[in-house]
N, C-alpha and C. Protein backbone atom coordinates (compact mmCIF):
# COMPACT_ATOMS: atom_id res chain seq x y z
N MET A 1 13.50 -43.27 6.83
CA MET A 1 14.80 -42.69 7.21
C MET A 1 14.62 -41.87 8.48
N VAL A 2 15.55 -42.00 9.42
CA VAL A 2 15.49 -41.28 10.68
C VAL A 2 16.01 -39.86 10.45
N THR A 3 15.22 -38.86 10.84
CA THR A 3 15.62 -37.47 10.67
C THR A 3 16.54 -37.03 11.81
N SER A 4 17.19 -35.87 11.63
CA SER A 4 18.05 -35.35 12.68
C SER A 4 17.25 -35.05 13.94
N GLU A 5 16.00 -34.60 13.76
CA GLU A 5 15.15 -34.34 14.93
C GLU A 5 14.88 -35.63 15.69
N GLN A 6 14.65 -36.71 14.95
CA GLN A 6 14.43 -38.00 15.61
C GLN A 6 15.69 -38.49 16.31
N TRP A 7 16.85 -38.23 15.71
CA TRP A 7 18.10 -38.61 16.37
C TRP A 7 18.31 -37.79 17.64
N ASP A 8 17.92 -36.53 17.60
CA ASP A 8 17.97 -35.71 18.81
C ASP A 8 17.09 -36.32 19.90
N ASP A 9 15.92 -36.81 19.50
CA ASP A 9 15.03 -37.46 20.46
C ASP A 9 15.67 -38.72 21.05
N HIS A 10 16.30 -39.52 20.19
CA HIS A 10 17.00 -40.72 20.67
C HIS A 10 18.08 -40.34 21.67
N LEU A 11 18.84 -39.30 21.35
CA LEU A 11 19.92 -38.86 22.22
C LEU A 11 19.38 -38.40 23.57
N GLU A 12 18.36 -37.59 23.55
CA GLU A 12 17.78 -37.09 24.80
C GLU A 12 17.22 -38.23 25.64
N ARG A 13 16.60 -39.22 24.99
CA ARG A 13 16.06 -40.37 25.73
C ARG A 13 17.15 -41.15 26.41
N GLU A 14 18.26 -41.38 25.70
CA GLU A 14 19.35 -42.16 26.28
C GLU A 14 20.02 -41.40 27.43
N ILE A 15 20.17 -40.11 27.27
CA ILE A 15 20.75 -39.31 28.36
C ILE A 15 19.83 -39.36 29.57
N ALA A 16 18.52 -39.28 29.33
CA ALA A 16 17.57 -39.36 30.45
C ALA A 16 17.64 -40.71 31.14
N ARG A 17 17.79 -41.78 30.36
CA ARG A 17 17.94 -43.12 30.95
C ARG A 17 19.19 -43.21 31.80
N TYR A 18 20.25 -42.63 31.29
CA TYR A 18 21.52 -42.64 32.03
C TYR A 18 21.36 -41.88 33.35
N ARG A 19 20.80 -40.68 33.29
CA ARG A 19 20.65 -39.87 34.48
C ARG A 19 19.72 -40.54 35.50
N ASP A 20 18.67 -41.19 35.02
CA ASP A 20 17.76 -41.90 35.91
C ASP A 20 18.48 -43.05 36.61
N GLY A 21 19.29 -43.77 35.85
CA GLY A 21 20.06 -44.86 36.44
C GLY A 21 21.06 -44.36 37.45
N GLU A 22 21.65 -43.22 37.16
CA GLU A 22 22.62 -42.62 38.06
C GLU A 22 21.95 -42.23 39.39
N ALA A 23 20.73 -41.70 39.28
CA ALA A 23 20.02 -41.25 40.48
C ALA A 23 19.56 -42.42 41.34
N ARG A 24 19.35 -43.59 40.71
CA ARG A 24 18.82 -44.74 41.43
C ARG A 24 19.84 -45.85 41.60
N LEU A 25 21.13 -45.50 41.47
CA LEU A 25 22.18 -46.51 41.57
C LEU A 25 22.27 -47.06 43.00
N PRO A 26 22.07 -48.38 43.17
CA PRO A 26 22.17 -48.96 44.52
C PRO A 26 23.57 -48.80 45.09
N ASP A 27 23.67 -48.78 46.41
CA ASP A 27 24.98 -48.63 47.03
C ASP A 27 25.71 -49.98 47.02
N ILE A 28 26.94 -49.95 47.50
CA ILE A 28 27.79 -51.14 47.40
C ILE A 28 27.32 -52.28 48.28
N GLU A 29 26.38 -52.03 49.20
CA GLU A 29 25.86 -53.11 50.03
C GLU A 29 24.97 -54.06 49.24
N ASP A 30 24.60 -53.67 48.03
CA ASP A 30 23.77 -54.52 47.17
C ASP A 30 24.51 -54.69 45.83
N PRO A 31 25.59 -55.47 45.83
CA PRO A 31 26.47 -55.53 44.65
C PRO A 31 25.80 -56.06 43.40
N ASP A 32 24.88 -57.02 43.54
CA ASP A 32 24.24 -57.57 42.34
C ASP A 32 23.36 -56.53 41.66
N GLN A 33 22.51 -55.87 42.43
CA GLN A 33 21.67 -54.84 41.84
C GLN A 33 22.50 -53.68 41.31
N ARG A 34 23.61 -53.41 41.99
CA ARG A 34 24.47 -52.32 41.55
C ARG A 34 25.11 -52.64 40.19
N GLN A 35 25.60 -53.86 40.03
CA GLN A 35 26.23 -54.20 38.75
C GLN A 35 25.22 -54.21 37.62
N ARG A 36 23.99 -54.61 37.92
CA ARG A 36 22.94 -54.58 36.89
C ARG A 36 22.63 -53.15 36.46
N GLN A 37 22.51 -52.27 37.47
CA GLN A 37 22.20 -50.87 37.14
C GLN A 37 23.36 -50.20 36.41
N LEU A 38 24.58 -50.53 36.79
CA LEU A 38 25.74 -49.98 36.09
C LEU A 38 25.75 -50.43 34.63
N THR A 39 25.33 -51.66 34.38
CA THR A 39 25.26 -52.15 33.00
C THR A 39 24.20 -51.40 32.22
N ARG A 40 23.05 -51.16 32.85
CA ARG A 40 22.00 -50.38 32.18
C ARG A 40 22.50 -48.98 31.85
N MET A 41 23.24 -48.40 32.78
CA MET A 41 23.81 -47.08 32.53
C MET A 41 24.82 -47.12 31.39
N GLY A 42 25.63 -48.18 31.37
CA GLY A 42 26.57 -48.34 30.28
C GLY A 42 25.87 -48.44 28.94
N ASN A 43 24.78 -49.19 28.91
CA ASN A 43 24.01 -49.34 27.67
C ASN A 43 23.40 -48.01 27.24
N ALA A 44 22.90 -47.24 28.21
CA ALA A 44 22.33 -45.94 27.89
C ALA A 44 23.40 -44.99 27.37
N ALA A 45 24.57 -45.00 27.99
CA ALA A 45 25.67 -44.16 27.53
C ALA A 45 26.10 -44.57 26.12
N TRP A 46 26.12 -45.89 25.88
CA TRP A 46 26.42 -46.40 24.54
C TRP A 46 25.40 -45.87 23.54
N GLY A 47 24.12 -45.89 23.91
CA GLY A 47 23.08 -45.39 23.03
C GLY A 47 23.24 -43.90 22.76
N ALA A 48 23.63 -43.15 23.78
CA ALA A 48 23.86 -41.71 23.60
C ALA A 48 25.06 -41.47 22.67
N GLY A 49 26.09 -42.28 22.84
CA GLY A 49 27.26 -42.15 21.97
C GLY A 49 26.94 -42.47 20.53
N LEU A 50 26.18 -43.53 20.33
CA LEU A 50 25.83 -43.94 18.98
C LEU A 50 24.90 -42.91 18.33
N SER A 51 23.96 -42.38 19.10
CA SER A 51 23.07 -41.34 18.58
C SER A 51 23.87 -40.10 18.18
N SER A 52 24.83 -39.72 19.01
CA SER A 52 25.68 -38.57 18.70
C SER A 52 26.49 -38.82 17.44
N LEU A 53 26.98 -40.05 17.27
CA LEU A 53 27.73 -40.39 16.08
C LEU A 53 26.85 -40.27 14.84
N MET A 54 25.61 -40.73 14.94
CA MET A 54 24.69 -40.65 13.81
C MET A 54 24.33 -39.20 13.49
N LEU A 55 24.42 -38.33 14.48
CA LEU A 55 24.18 -36.90 14.27
C LEU A 55 25.41 -36.17 13.75
N GLY A 56 26.54 -36.88 13.67
CA GLY A 56 27.76 -36.27 13.19
C GLY A 56 28.52 -35.50 14.24
N ASP A 57 28.16 -35.69 15.51
CA ASP A 57 28.83 -35.00 16.61
C ASP A 57 29.81 -35.96 17.28
N ARG A 58 31.00 -36.07 16.70
CA ARG A 58 31.97 -37.05 17.19
C ARG A 58 32.48 -36.69 18.58
N ALA A 59 32.66 -35.41 18.86
CA ALA A 59 33.18 -35.03 20.17
C ALA A 59 32.24 -35.48 21.28
N ARG A 60 30.94 -35.25 21.09
CA ARG A 60 29.98 -35.68 22.10
C ARG A 60 29.88 -37.20 22.14
N ALA A 61 29.98 -37.83 20.98
CA ALA A 61 29.96 -39.30 20.94
C ALA A 61 31.09 -39.88 21.77
N ASP A 62 32.28 -39.29 21.63
CA ASP A 62 33.44 -39.81 22.36
C ASP A 62 33.24 -39.69 23.87
N VAL A 63 32.62 -38.59 24.31
CA VAL A 63 32.36 -38.41 25.75
C VAL A 63 31.45 -39.51 26.27
N TRP A 64 30.39 -39.81 25.52
CA TRP A 64 29.44 -40.82 25.98
C TRP A 64 30.00 -42.23 25.86
N PHE A 65 30.79 -42.48 24.83
CA PHE A 65 31.43 -43.79 24.73
C PHE A 65 32.38 -44.02 25.91
N HIS A 66 33.09 -42.97 26.30
CA HIS A 66 33.99 -43.07 27.44
C HIS A 66 33.21 -43.38 28.72
N ARG A 67 32.08 -42.72 28.90
CA ARG A 67 31.26 -42.99 30.08
C ARG A 67 30.74 -44.42 30.06
N ALA A 68 30.37 -44.90 28.89
CA ALA A 68 29.89 -46.27 28.79
C ALA A 68 30.96 -47.25 29.25
N VAL A 69 32.20 -47.04 28.80
CA VAL A 69 33.30 -47.92 29.19
C VAL A 69 33.48 -47.89 30.71
N GLU A 70 33.43 -46.71 31.30
CA GLU A 70 33.58 -46.60 32.75
C GLU A 70 32.50 -47.40 33.48
N ARG A 71 31.27 -47.31 33.02
CA ARG A 71 30.18 -48.04 33.67
C ARG A 71 30.32 -49.55 33.46
N TYR A 72 30.70 -49.97 32.26
CA TYR A 72 30.90 -51.40 32.02
C TYR A 72 32.02 -51.93 32.92
N HIS A 73 33.10 -51.19 33.03
CA HIS A 73 34.21 -51.62 33.89
C HIS A 73 33.74 -51.76 35.33
N ALA A 74 33.03 -50.75 35.82
CA ALA A 74 32.57 -50.78 37.21
C ALA A 74 31.62 -51.94 37.45
N SER A 75 30.81 -52.28 36.45
CA SER A 75 29.84 -53.36 36.61
C SER A 75 30.51 -54.72 36.72
N LEU A 76 31.70 -54.85 36.13
CA LEU A 76 32.36 -56.15 36.10
C LEU A 76 32.88 -56.58 37.47
N ASP A 77 33.01 -55.63 38.40
CA ASP A 77 33.51 -55.98 39.73
C ASP A 77 32.64 -57.03 40.42
N SER A 78 31.32 -56.98 40.16
CA SER A 78 30.39 -57.92 40.80
C SER A 78 29.59 -58.71 39.78
N ALA A 79 30.03 -58.70 38.53
CA ALA A 79 29.29 -59.39 37.48
C ALA A 79 29.46 -60.90 37.56
N PRO A 80 28.46 -61.65 37.13
CA PRO A 80 28.60 -63.11 37.10
C PRO A 80 29.58 -63.53 36.01
N PRO A 81 30.14 -64.73 36.12
CA PRO A 81 31.04 -65.22 35.08
C PRO A 81 30.35 -65.25 33.71
N GLY A 82 31.11 -65.01 32.68
CA GLY A 82 30.56 -65.07 31.34
C GLY A 82 29.82 -63.83 30.91
N SER A 83 30.09 -62.70 31.55
CA SER A 83 29.44 -61.43 31.17
C SER A 83 30.19 -60.80 30.00
N TRP A 84 30.28 -61.53 28.92
CA TRP A 84 31.12 -61.11 27.80
C TRP A 84 30.56 -59.92 27.05
N GLY A 85 29.26 -59.69 27.14
CA GLY A 85 28.69 -58.54 26.45
C GLY A 85 29.29 -57.22 26.90
N ARG A 86 29.71 -57.15 28.15
CA ARG A 86 30.30 -55.91 28.67
C ARG A 86 31.71 -55.70 28.11
N TYR A 87 32.41 -56.81 27.89
CA TYR A 87 33.73 -56.70 27.25
C TYR A 87 33.55 -56.25 25.79
N ILE A 88 32.57 -56.81 25.12
CA ILE A 88 32.31 -56.41 23.74
C ILE A 88 31.89 -54.95 23.69
N GLY A 89 31.01 -54.54 24.61
CA GLY A 89 30.58 -53.16 24.63
C GLY A 89 31.74 -52.20 24.81
N SER A 90 32.66 -52.53 25.69
CA SER A 90 33.83 -51.68 25.92
C SER A 90 34.72 -51.62 24.68
N LEU A 91 34.93 -52.76 24.04
CA LEU A 91 35.71 -52.79 22.81
C LEU A 91 35.07 -51.93 21.73
N LYS A 92 33.76 -52.08 21.56
CA LYS A 92 33.05 -51.30 20.54
C LYS A 92 33.17 -49.81 20.80
N CYS A 93 33.01 -49.42 22.06
CA CYS A 93 33.10 -48.00 22.40
C CYS A 93 34.47 -47.43 22.06
N ARG A 94 35.51 -48.13 22.42
CA ARG A 94 36.87 -47.65 22.13
C ARG A 94 37.10 -47.56 20.62
N ILE A 95 36.64 -48.56 19.89
CA ILE A 95 36.84 -48.58 18.45
C ILE A 95 36.09 -47.44 17.78
N LEU A 96 34.83 -47.24 18.15
CA LEU A 96 34.03 -46.20 17.51
C LEU A 96 34.48 -44.81 17.91
N ALA A 97 35.13 -44.70 19.06
CA ALA A 97 35.70 -43.41 19.46
C ALA A 97 37.04 -43.16 18.76
N GLY A 98 37.54 -44.15 18.03
CA GLY A 98 38.84 -44.02 17.38
C GLY A 98 39.99 -44.07 18.36
N ASP A 99 39.71 -44.60 19.55
CA ASP A 99 40.73 -44.68 20.61
C ASP A 99 41.39 -46.05 20.52
N TRP A 100 42.38 -46.18 19.65
CA TRP A 100 42.96 -47.49 19.40
C TRP A 100 43.88 -47.95 20.52
N ALA A 101 44.51 -47.00 21.21
CA ALA A 101 45.31 -47.39 22.38
C ALA A 101 44.38 -47.94 23.46
N GLY A 102 43.25 -47.27 23.66
CA GLY A 102 42.26 -47.77 24.61
C GLY A 102 41.68 -49.09 24.17
N ALA A 103 41.47 -49.25 22.86
CA ALA A 103 40.93 -50.51 22.34
C ALA A 103 41.90 -51.66 22.61
N GLU A 104 43.18 -51.39 22.49
CA GLU A 104 44.17 -52.43 22.78
C GLU A 104 44.14 -52.81 24.26
N ASP A 105 43.95 -51.82 25.13
CA ASP A 105 43.82 -52.11 26.56
C ASP A 105 42.60 -53.00 26.81
N GLU A 106 41.48 -52.65 26.16
CA GLU A 106 40.26 -53.46 26.32
C GLU A 106 40.47 -54.87 25.77
N ALA A 107 41.19 -54.96 24.66
CA ALA A 107 41.44 -56.26 24.06
C ALA A 107 42.27 -57.14 25.00
N ARG A 108 43.29 -56.54 25.59
CA ARG A 108 44.11 -57.32 26.53
C ARG A 108 43.29 -57.73 27.76
N ARG A 109 42.43 -56.85 28.21
CA ARG A 109 41.56 -57.17 29.34
C ARG A 109 40.66 -58.37 28.99
N THR A 110 40.16 -58.39 27.77
CA THR A 110 39.28 -59.46 27.31
C THR A 110 40.02 -60.79 27.24
N ILE A 111 41.23 -60.76 26.72
CA ILE A 111 42.03 -61.98 26.60
C ILE A 111 42.46 -62.47 27.98
N GLU A 112 42.82 -61.54 28.86
CA GLU A 112 43.21 -61.93 30.22
C GLU A 112 42.05 -62.57 30.97
N ALA A 113 40.81 -62.20 30.59
CA ALA A 113 39.62 -62.80 31.20
C ALA A 113 39.31 -64.17 30.59
N ARG A 114 40.09 -64.59 29.59
CA ARG A 114 39.99 -65.91 28.94
C ARG A 114 38.71 -66.06 28.12
N ALA A 115 38.32 -64.97 27.44
CA ALA A 115 37.16 -65.07 26.55
C ALA A 115 37.38 -66.11 25.47
N GLN A 116 38.63 -66.30 25.05
CA GLN A 116 38.95 -67.26 24.00
C GLN A 116 38.66 -68.70 24.41
N ASP A 117 38.52 -68.94 25.71
CA ASP A 117 38.21 -70.29 26.19
C ASP A 117 36.73 -70.47 26.50
N ALA A 118 35.94 -69.45 26.23
CA ALA A 118 34.51 -69.52 26.55
C ALA A 118 33.81 -70.56 25.70
N GLU A 119 32.80 -71.18 26.27
CA GLU A 119 31.98 -72.12 25.51
C GLU A 119 30.92 -71.38 24.70
N SER A 120 30.53 -70.21 25.16
CA SER A 120 29.49 -69.46 24.46
C SER A 120 30.07 -68.76 23.24
N PRO A 121 29.30 -68.65 22.15
CA PRO A 121 29.80 -67.96 20.96
C PRO A 121 30.03 -66.48 21.21
N ILE A 122 29.29 -65.87 22.13
CA ILE A 122 29.48 -64.44 22.39
C ILE A 122 30.84 -64.20 23.04
N GLY A 123 31.28 -65.13 23.89
CA GLY A 123 32.61 -65.02 24.46
C GLY A 123 33.68 -65.19 23.40
N MET A 124 33.49 -66.15 22.52
CA MET A 124 34.46 -66.38 21.45
C MET A 124 34.51 -65.18 20.50
N TYR A 125 33.36 -64.57 20.27
CA TYR A 125 33.30 -63.38 19.43
C TYR A 125 34.06 -62.23 20.09
N ALA A 126 33.88 -62.07 21.40
CA ALA A 126 34.61 -61.04 22.13
C ALA A 126 36.11 -61.23 21.96
N ALA A 127 36.56 -62.47 22.08
CA ALA A 127 37.98 -62.77 21.93
C ALA A 127 38.45 -62.53 20.50
N ALA A 128 37.62 -62.87 19.52
CA ALA A 128 37.99 -62.66 18.12
C ALA A 128 38.18 -61.17 17.84
N LEU A 129 37.26 -60.34 18.33
CA LEU A 129 37.42 -58.89 18.16
C LEU A 129 38.69 -58.41 18.84
N ALA A 130 38.94 -58.93 20.05
CA ALA A 130 40.14 -58.53 20.78
C ALA A 130 41.40 -58.89 20.00
N PHE A 131 41.43 -60.09 19.46
CA PHE A 131 42.62 -60.51 18.71
C PHE A 131 42.79 -59.66 17.44
N LEU A 132 41.67 -59.28 16.79
CA LEU A 132 41.78 -58.41 15.62
C LEU A 132 42.39 -57.06 16.00
N VAL A 133 41.95 -56.51 17.13
CA VAL A 133 42.49 -55.23 17.59
C VAL A 133 43.98 -55.34 17.85
N LEU A 134 44.40 -56.47 18.42
CA LEU A 134 45.80 -56.67 18.78
C LEU A 134 46.66 -57.14 17.61
N GLY A 135 46.02 -57.40 16.47
CA GLY A 135 46.77 -57.87 15.32
C GLY A 135 47.11 -59.34 15.35
N SER A 136 46.49 -60.09 16.26
CA SER A 136 46.71 -61.54 16.33
C SER A 136 45.70 -62.22 15.43
N ASP A 137 45.89 -62.02 14.12
CA ASP A 137 44.87 -62.42 13.17
C ASP A 137 44.69 -63.93 13.07
N GLY A 138 45.75 -64.69 13.30
CA GLY A 138 45.61 -66.15 13.27
C GLY A 138 44.69 -66.64 14.37
N ASP A 139 44.83 -66.08 15.55
CA ASP A 139 43.94 -66.45 16.65
C ASP A 139 42.51 -66.01 16.37
N ALA A 140 42.36 -64.82 15.79
CA ALA A 140 41.02 -64.33 15.45
C ALA A 140 40.37 -65.24 14.41
N GLN A 141 41.15 -65.65 13.43
CA GLN A 141 40.60 -66.51 12.37
C GLN A 141 40.14 -67.85 12.94
N ALA A 142 40.92 -68.42 13.83
CA ALA A 142 40.54 -69.71 14.42
C ALA A 142 39.22 -69.61 15.16
N LEU A 143 39.03 -68.53 15.90
CA LEU A 143 37.77 -68.34 16.62
C LEU A 143 36.62 -68.08 15.66
N ALA A 144 36.88 -67.27 14.64
CA ALA A 144 35.83 -66.99 13.65
C ALA A 144 35.37 -68.27 12.96
N GLU A 145 36.31 -69.13 12.62
CA GLU A 145 35.96 -70.39 11.98
C GLU A 145 35.13 -71.25 12.93
N ALA A 146 35.45 -71.18 14.22
CA ALA A 146 34.70 -71.99 15.21
C ALA A 146 33.26 -71.52 15.35
N ILE A 147 33.04 -70.19 15.34
CA ILE A 147 31.66 -69.70 15.53
C ILE A 147 30.88 -69.66 14.22
N ARG A 148 31.58 -69.79 13.09
CA ARG A 148 30.91 -69.82 11.79
C ARG A 148 29.91 -70.97 11.69
N THR A 149 30.22 -72.06 12.34
CA THR A 149 29.38 -73.26 12.22
C THR A 149 28.35 -73.38 13.34
N ARG A 150 28.31 -72.40 14.23
CA ARG A 150 27.36 -72.43 15.34
C ARG A 150 25.99 -71.99 14.86
N GLU A 151 24.96 -72.61 15.40
CA GLU A 151 23.60 -72.22 15.08
C GLU A 151 23.12 -71.06 15.96
N ASP A 152 23.90 -70.75 17.00
CA ASP A 152 23.49 -69.71 17.95
C ASP A 152 24.31 -68.44 17.80
N PHE A 153 24.83 -68.21 16.59
CA PHE A 153 25.57 -66.98 16.31
C PHE A 153 25.36 -66.60 14.85
N PRO A 154 25.24 -65.30 14.55
CA PRO A 154 25.02 -64.88 13.15
C PRO A 154 26.18 -65.27 12.24
N HIS A 155 25.87 -66.07 11.24
CA HIS A 155 26.92 -66.56 10.36
C HIS A 155 27.58 -65.44 9.58
N ASP A 156 26.79 -64.41 9.19
CA ASP A 156 27.36 -63.34 8.39
C ASP A 156 28.39 -62.53 9.18
N VAL A 157 28.15 -62.35 10.47
CA VAL A 157 29.12 -61.64 11.30
C VAL A 157 30.40 -62.46 11.42
N ALA A 158 30.25 -63.76 11.66
CA ALA A 158 31.42 -64.63 11.75
C ALA A 158 32.20 -64.63 10.44
N ASP A 159 31.48 -64.62 9.31
CA ASP A 159 32.16 -64.58 8.01
C ASP A 159 32.98 -63.30 7.86
N ALA A 160 32.38 -62.16 8.25
CA ALA A 160 33.09 -60.88 8.13
C ALA A 160 34.34 -60.88 8.99
N VAL A 161 34.23 -61.40 10.22
CA VAL A 161 35.39 -61.47 11.11
C VAL A 161 36.47 -62.36 10.50
N ALA A 162 36.06 -63.48 9.93
CA ALA A 162 37.03 -64.39 9.31
C ALA A 162 37.76 -63.72 8.16
N PHE A 163 37.04 -62.98 7.31
CA PHE A 163 37.69 -62.31 6.19
C PHE A 163 38.62 -61.19 6.68
N LEU A 164 38.24 -60.52 7.77
CA LEU A 164 39.13 -59.52 8.34
C LEU A 164 40.43 -60.16 8.82
N ALA A 165 40.29 -61.34 9.43
CA ALA A 165 41.47 -62.03 9.93
C ALA A 165 42.39 -62.48 8.80
N VAL A 166 41.81 -62.90 7.68
CA VAL A 166 42.62 -63.28 6.52
C VAL A 166 43.36 -62.06 5.99
N GLY A 167 42.63 -60.94 5.92
CA GLY A 167 43.26 -59.66 5.61
C GLY A 167 43.62 -59.42 4.16
N SER A 168 43.23 -60.30 3.23
CA SER A 168 43.65 -60.12 1.84
C SER A 168 42.52 -60.34 0.83
N ASP A 169 41.32 -60.65 1.34
CA ASP A 169 40.21 -60.95 0.43
C ASP A 169 39.15 -59.85 0.57
N ARG A 170 39.38 -58.74 -0.12
CA ARG A 170 38.44 -57.63 -0.01
C ARG A 170 37.07 -57.98 -0.58
N PRO A 171 36.98 -58.64 -1.74
CA PRO A 171 35.65 -59.01 -2.24
C PRO A 171 34.88 -59.90 -1.26
N GLY A 172 35.59 -60.84 -0.63
CA GLY A 172 34.93 -61.71 0.34
C GLY A 172 34.42 -60.93 1.53
N TYR A 173 35.27 -60.03 2.04
CA TYR A 173 34.84 -59.20 3.18
C TYR A 173 33.66 -58.31 2.79
N THR A 174 33.74 -57.71 1.60
CA THR A 174 32.66 -56.82 1.15
C THR A 174 31.34 -57.56 1.09
N ALA A 175 31.35 -58.75 0.52
CA ALA A 175 30.12 -59.53 0.43
C ALA A 175 29.58 -59.86 1.82
N ALA A 176 30.47 -60.20 2.73
CA ALA A 176 30.05 -60.55 4.09
C ALA A 176 29.48 -59.35 4.83
N ILE A 177 30.15 -58.20 4.75
CA ILE A 177 29.68 -57.03 5.50
C ILE A 177 28.40 -56.47 4.89
N GLU A 178 28.23 -56.61 3.60
CA GLU A 178 26.97 -56.19 2.98
C GLU A 178 25.81 -57.04 3.49
N THR A 179 26.08 -58.32 3.73
CA THR A 179 25.04 -59.21 4.27
C THR A 179 24.72 -58.82 5.71
N VAL A 180 25.75 -58.47 6.48
CA VAL A 180 25.52 -58.02 7.86
C VAL A 180 24.66 -56.76 7.85
N LEU A 181 24.99 -55.82 6.98
CA LEU A 181 24.22 -54.58 6.89
C LEU A 181 22.77 -54.87 6.50
N ALA A 182 22.58 -55.76 5.54
CA ALA A 182 21.22 -56.11 5.12
C ALA A 182 20.42 -56.70 6.27
N SER A 183 21.08 -57.48 7.12
CA SER A 183 20.37 -58.08 8.26
C SER A 183 19.92 -57.00 9.24
N PHE A 184 20.71 -55.95 9.39
CA PHE A 184 20.30 -54.83 10.24
C PHE A 184 19.13 -54.09 9.62
N GLU A 185 19.17 -53.93 8.32
CA GLU A 185 18.10 -53.20 7.63
C GLU A 185 16.78 -53.94 7.68
N GLN A 186 16.83 -55.24 7.92
CA GLN A 186 15.61 -56.05 7.99
C GLN A 186 15.07 -56.20 9.41
N ARG A 187 15.77 -55.63 10.38
CA ARG A 187 15.36 -55.78 11.78
C ARG A 187 14.23 -54.83 12.15
N ASP A 188 13.51 -55.24 13.19
CA ASP A 188 12.51 -54.38 13.81
C ASP A 188 12.96 -53.89 15.17
N GLU A 189 13.99 -54.54 15.74
CA GLU A 189 14.46 -54.18 17.07
C GLU A 189 15.97 -53.99 17.04
N TYR A 190 16.41 -53.02 17.86
CA TYR A 190 17.83 -52.69 17.95
C TYR A 190 18.21 -52.50 19.41
N LEU A 191 19.49 -52.69 19.71
CA LEU A 191 19.98 -52.46 21.06
C LEU A 191 19.69 -51.02 21.47
N GLU A 192 19.07 -50.86 22.63
CA GLU A 192 18.69 -49.54 23.15
C GLU A 192 17.74 -48.79 22.21
N ASP A 193 17.09 -49.53 21.30
CA ASP A 193 16.16 -48.91 20.34
C ASP A 193 16.84 -47.85 19.47
N ILE A 194 18.14 -48.01 19.24
CA ILE A 194 18.89 -47.08 18.39
C ILE A 194 19.02 -47.72 17.00
N PRO A 195 18.32 -47.20 16.00
CA PRO A 195 18.34 -47.83 14.67
C PRO A 195 19.62 -47.53 13.90
N ALA A 196 20.69 -48.17 14.32
CA ALA A 196 21.99 -48.00 13.68
C ALA A 196 22.68 -49.35 13.60
N ALA A 197 23.45 -49.54 12.54
CA ALA A 197 24.15 -50.81 12.32
C ALA A 197 25.50 -50.77 13.03
N ASP A 198 25.47 -50.88 14.36
CA ASP A 198 26.69 -50.70 15.15
C ASP A 198 27.74 -51.75 14.85
N THR A 199 27.32 -52.98 14.63
CA THR A 199 28.30 -54.05 14.32
C THR A 199 29.02 -53.73 13.01
N VAL A 200 28.28 -53.23 12.04
CA VAL A 200 28.90 -52.86 10.76
C VAL A 200 29.92 -51.75 10.96
N LEU A 201 29.57 -50.76 11.78
CA LEU A 201 30.50 -49.65 12.04
C LEU A 201 31.80 -50.15 12.67
N VAL A 202 31.67 -51.06 13.61
CA VAL A 202 32.86 -51.60 14.29
C VAL A 202 33.72 -52.41 13.33
N LEU A 203 33.10 -53.29 12.58
CA LEU A 203 33.86 -54.13 11.65
C LEU A 203 34.49 -53.29 10.54
N GLN A 204 33.78 -52.26 10.10
CA GLN A 204 34.33 -51.37 9.08
C GLN A 204 35.55 -50.60 9.60
N ALA A 205 35.51 -50.22 10.87
CA ALA A 205 36.67 -49.54 11.46
C ALA A 205 37.88 -50.46 11.48
N LEU A 206 37.65 -51.73 11.82
CA LEU A 206 38.74 -52.71 11.79
C LEU A 206 39.20 -52.96 10.35
N ALA A 207 38.25 -52.97 9.42
CA ALA A 207 38.59 -53.20 8.01
C ALA A 207 39.40 -52.04 7.44
N GLU A 208 39.09 -50.83 7.86
CA GLU A 208 39.81 -49.67 7.34
C GLU A 208 41.28 -49.75 7.71
N ARG A 209 41.59 -50.25 8.89
CA ARG A 209 42.98 -50.38 9.31
C ARG A 209 43.71 -51.45 8.51
N ARG A 210 42.96 -52.30 7.83
CA ARG A 210 43.55 -53.36 7.03
C ARG A 210 43.43 -53.08 5.53
N GLY A 211 42.90 -51.92 5.18
CA GLY A 211 42.71 -51.58 3.78
C GLY A 211 41.63 -52.39 3.10
N LEU A 212 40.64 -52.85 3.89
CA LEU A 212 39.58 -53.70 3.35
C LEU A 212 38.20 -53.06 3.40
N ALA A 213 38.09 -51.84 3.91
CA ALA A 213 36.77 -51.25 4.14
C ALA A 213 35.94 -51.20 2.87
N ALA A 214 34.67 -51.59 3.00
CA ALA A 214 33.75 -51.59 1.87
C ALA A 214 33.07 -50.23 1.74
N ASP A 215 32.62 -49.93 0.54
CA ASP A 215 31.89 -48.68 0.28
C ASP A 215 30.41 -48.96 0.54
N LEU A 216 29.93 -48.51 1.69
CA LEU A 216 28.57 -48.82 2.11
C LEU A 216 27.75 -47.55 2.28
N SER A 217 26.47 -47.66 2.02
CA SER A 217 25.55 -46.54 2.25
C SER A 217 24.25 -47.10 2.80
N SER A 218 23.75 -46.49 3.86
CA SER A 218 22.52 -46.97 4.48
C SER A 218 22.01 -45.92 5.46
N PRO A 219 20.69 -45.84 5.65
CA PRO A 219 20.15 -44.96 6.68
C PRO A 219 20.60 -45.37 8.09
N LEU A 220 21.12 -46.59 8.21
CA LEU A 220 21.57 -47.09 9.50
C LEU A 220 23.05 -46.80 9.76
N LEU A 221 23.67 -46.04 8.85
CA LEU A 221 25.07 -45.65 9.00
C LEU A 221 25.15 -44.13 8.98
N PRO A 222 26.17 -43.55 9.64
CA PRO A 222 26.32 -42.10 9.57
C PRO A 222 26.47 -41.61 8.14
N ALA A 223 25.95 -40.45 7.87
CA ALA A 223 26.02 -39.91 6.51
C ALA A 223 27.47 -39.66 6.13
């Protein structure tokens, strides 16, 4: 189990990564390197936000999630096509900050970028999350069903998204999200080395708005 002191260490590391990226941010004459560094900064800010959330400091988490969104947005100006991870990151930040108006803005941005037409499962997943935020559950369900059968996407995550889109099968959603949580608990590596089940947190936030949230407990979730 990660102690509060260890979470403090994670937070300090992510803030240091962010500050280092800020100090070494290339100027606009090098747009490719700049967008890459902005993405790294966004990831570090995301890590700081998630660490703060795990420490129970929501106010600080919200500040860092907001910074992450700003960096992801700035990086998209020169990003290559199909950079769907940045759209997902922005959606996750808004959702975990409880900023649902902002999440709807991110969702519309994702749909306007045509993530729903992406060939990659990560793009389709971005669109599915966006449609869930916007309440377009039929569209979300269609995408979830499409990625459920892919070999290059976690089936348990697709299952959870599909049950959220149906909106009436709490036992089905609970079984799916418990499997997602178990997969996190079996991992050795995490995004930004932050040992937290961020996907579970996001899906649970969406489930709570639908009255489907499962009763979960794990060292990878906030107490």
